[in-house]
Structures are given as C-alpha cells and as structure tokens.
Amino acid sequence: MNGLRVFAVALIVGGVLALAYGGFSYTKEETAAKIGSLELNVKEKKSINIPAWLGIAGIVGGVLVLVGARRR
C-alpha cells in the first residue's frame, strides 16, 4: 500500500510539472558525413510539448489513486 501512495504522489508531481513547464527540449547529435578521419557532426535541438490536459489528467489521477489508497 505504501508503494501505491508513492505512485499517486509521483503522478501529482508529474502533472504539476507538466502544467508548469509545458514540455522539454533536448539536443540530438548525429554524424552527417564521415570521410576518412574527418567527421562532420550536426547538433539538432528538438522539443517535446506536453498538452495541458495530460498534466490535469495526471493530477486528477494521482488524487483519485491517493484517495483510493486511503480507503483500503
């Protein structure tokens, strides 16, 4: 039962973070060309947006799991 509460709190925290930041970005490095010992690397910045409804669903789901864990 303790693990269920930890999962519920993680859902709530994840939902709050999703609403606060709205997404995240990262840099992907690829090798574009390699000729002998010469190598051309390309860095590409990618971003992933998290919809607001997903953050709200995480918060609501976490609260429901937390309430359900207390009733048991």
C-alpha atoms as a PDB file:
ATOM      1  CA  MET A   1       0.000   0.000   0.000  1.00  0.00           C
ATOM      2  CA  ASN A   2       2.904   2.367   0.601  1.00  0.00           C
ATOM      3  CA  GLY A   3       4.051   1.907  -2.993  1.00  0.00           C
ATOM      4  CA  LEU A   4       0.615   2.970  -4.206  1.00  0.00           C
ATOM      5  CA  ARG A   5       0.871   6.243  -2.311  1.00  0.00           C
ATOM      6  CA  VAL A   6       4.312   6.918  -3.772  1.00  0.00           C
ATOM      7  CA  PHE A   7       2.882   6.284  -7.264  1.00  0.00           C
ATOM      8  CA  ALA A   8      -0.010   8.683  -6.565  1.00  0.00           C
ATOM      9  CA  VAL A   9       2.323  11.436  -5.364  1.00  0.00           C
ATOM     10  CA  ALA A  10       4.551  10.892  -8.424  1.00  0.00           C
ATOM     11  CA  LEU A  11       1.505  11.312 -10.693  1.00  0.00           C
ATOM     12  CA  ILE A  12       0.546  14.537  -8.942  1.00  0.00           C
ATOM     13  CA  VAL A  13       4.075  15.948  -9.101  1.00  0.00           C
ATOM     14  CA  GLY A  14       4.393  14.950 -12.763  1.00  0.00           C
ATOM     15  CA  GLY A  15       1.089  16.644 -13.560  1.00  0.00           C
ATOM     16  CA  VAL A  16       2.105  19.849 -11.809  1.00  0.00           C
ATOM     17  CA  LEU A  17       5.450  19.886 -13.625  1.00  0.00           C
ATOM     18  CA  ALA A  18       3.721  19.273 -16.967  1.00  0.00           C
ATOM     19  CA  LEU A  19       1.451  22.255 -16.348  1.00  0.00           C
ATOM     20  CA  ALA A  20       4.287  24.468 -15.112  1.00  0.00           C
ATOM     21  CA  TYR A  21       6.784  23.800 -17.918  1.00  0.00           C
ATOM     22  CA  GLY A  22       4.565  22.655 -20.778  1.00  0.00           C
ATOM     23  CA  GLY A  23       7.295  20.494 -22.279  1.00  0.00           C
ATOM     24  CA  PHE A  24      11.013  19.951 -22.519  1.00  0.00           C
ATOM     25  CA  SER A  25      13.787  20.094 -25.100  1.00  0.00           C
ATOM     26  CA  TYR A  26      16.932  18.139 -25.790  1.00  0.00           C
ATOM     27  CA  THR A  27      19.862  18.201 -28.201  1.00  0.00           C
ATOM     28  CA  LYS A  28      20.429  15.304 -30.563  1.00  0.00           C
ATOM     29  CA  GLU A  29      23.874  14.890 -32.131  1.00  0.00           C
ATOM     30  CA  GLU A  30      24.260  12.969 -35.380  1.00  0.00           C
ATOM     31  CA  THR A  31      27.145  12.267 -37.708  1.00  0.00           C
ATOM     32  CA  ALA A  32      26.235  13.833 -41.060  1.00  0.00           C
ATOM     33  CA  ALA A  33      29.305  12.781 -43.036  1.00  0.00           C
ATOM     34  CA  LYS A  34      32.445  10.788 -42.425  1.00  0.00           C
ATOM     35  CA  ILE A  35      35.301  10.954 -44.906  1.00  0.00           C
ATOM     36  CA  GLY A  36      38.384   9.133 -43.709  1.00  0.00           C
ATOM     37  CA  SER A  37      39.349  10.606 -40.363  1.00  0.00           C
ATOM     38  CA  LEU A  38      37.271  13.744 -40.981  1.00  0.00           C
ATOM     39  CA  GLU A  39      33.863  13.657 -39.346  1.00  0.00           C
ATOM     40  CA  LEU A  40      31.023  16.191 -39.640  1.00  0.00           C
ATOM     41  CA  ASN A  41      28.653  16.277 -36.666  1.00  0.00           C
ATOM     42  CA  VAL A  42      25.301  18.044 -36.618  1.00  0.00           C
ATOM     43  CA  LYS A  43      23.527  19.097 -33.428  1.00  0.00           C
ATOM     44  CA  GLU A  44      19.772  19.352 -33.683  1.00  0.00           C
ATOM     45  CA  LYS A  45      17.628  20.817 -30.916  1.00  0.00           C
ATOM     46  CA  LYS A  46      14.293  19.051 -30.511  1.00  0.00           C
ATOM     47  CA  SER A  47      11.416  19.959 -28.244  1.00  0.00           C
ATOM     48  CA  ILE A  48       8.512  17.912 -26.948  1.00  0.00           C
ATOM     49  CA  ASN A  49       5.353  19.706 -25.875  1.00  0.00           C
ATOM     50  CA  ILE A  50       3.151  18.210 -23.181  1.00  0.00           C
ATOM     51  CA  PRO A  51      -0.537  19.097 -23.546  1.00  0.00           C
ATOM     52  CA  ALA A  52      -2.254  20.792 -20.616  1.00  0.00           C
ATOM     53  CA  TRP A  53      -4.960  18.115 -20.496  1.00  0.00           C
ATOM     54  CA  LEU A  54      -2.293  15.490 -19.820  1.00  0.00           C
ATOM     55  CA  GLY A  55      -0.993  17.432 -16.809  1.00  0.00           C
ATOM     56  CA  ILE A  56      -4.514  17.864 -15.473  1.00  0.00           C
ATOM     57  CA  ALA A  57      -5.231  14.157 -16.022  1.00  0.00           C
ATOM     58  CA  GLY A  58      -2.067  13.288 -14.067  1.00  0.00           C
ATOM     59  CA  ILE A  59      -3.101  15.432 -11.132  1.00  0.00           C
ATOM     60  CA  VAL A  60      -6.677  14.108 -11.088  1.00  0.00           C
ATOM     61  CA  GLY A  61      -5.492  10.513 -11.492  1.00  0.00           C
ATOM     62  CA  GLY A  62      -2.982  10.914  -8.674  1.00  0.00           C
ATOM     63  CA  VAL A  63      -5.606  12.349  -6.350  1.00  0.00           C
ATOM     64  CA  LEU A  64      -8.014   9.509  -7.177  1.00  0.00           C
ATOM     65  CA  VAL A  65      -5.341   6.872  -6.526  1.00  0.00           C
ATOM     66  CA  LEU A  66      -4.375   8.602  -3.274  1.00  0.00           C
ATOM     67  CA  VAL A  67      -7.991   8.712  -2.088  1.00  0.00           C
ATOM     68  CA  GLY A  68      -8.491   5.097  -3.130  1.00  0.00           C
ATOM     69  CA  ALA A  69      -5.369   4.041  -1.220  1.00  0.00           C
ATOM     70  CA  ARG A  70      -6.633   5.703   1.960  1.00  0.00           C
ATOM     71  CA  ARG A  71      -9.956   3.875   1.843  1.00  0.00           C
ATOM     72  CA  ARG A  72      -8.281   0.463   1.816  1.00  0.00           C
END
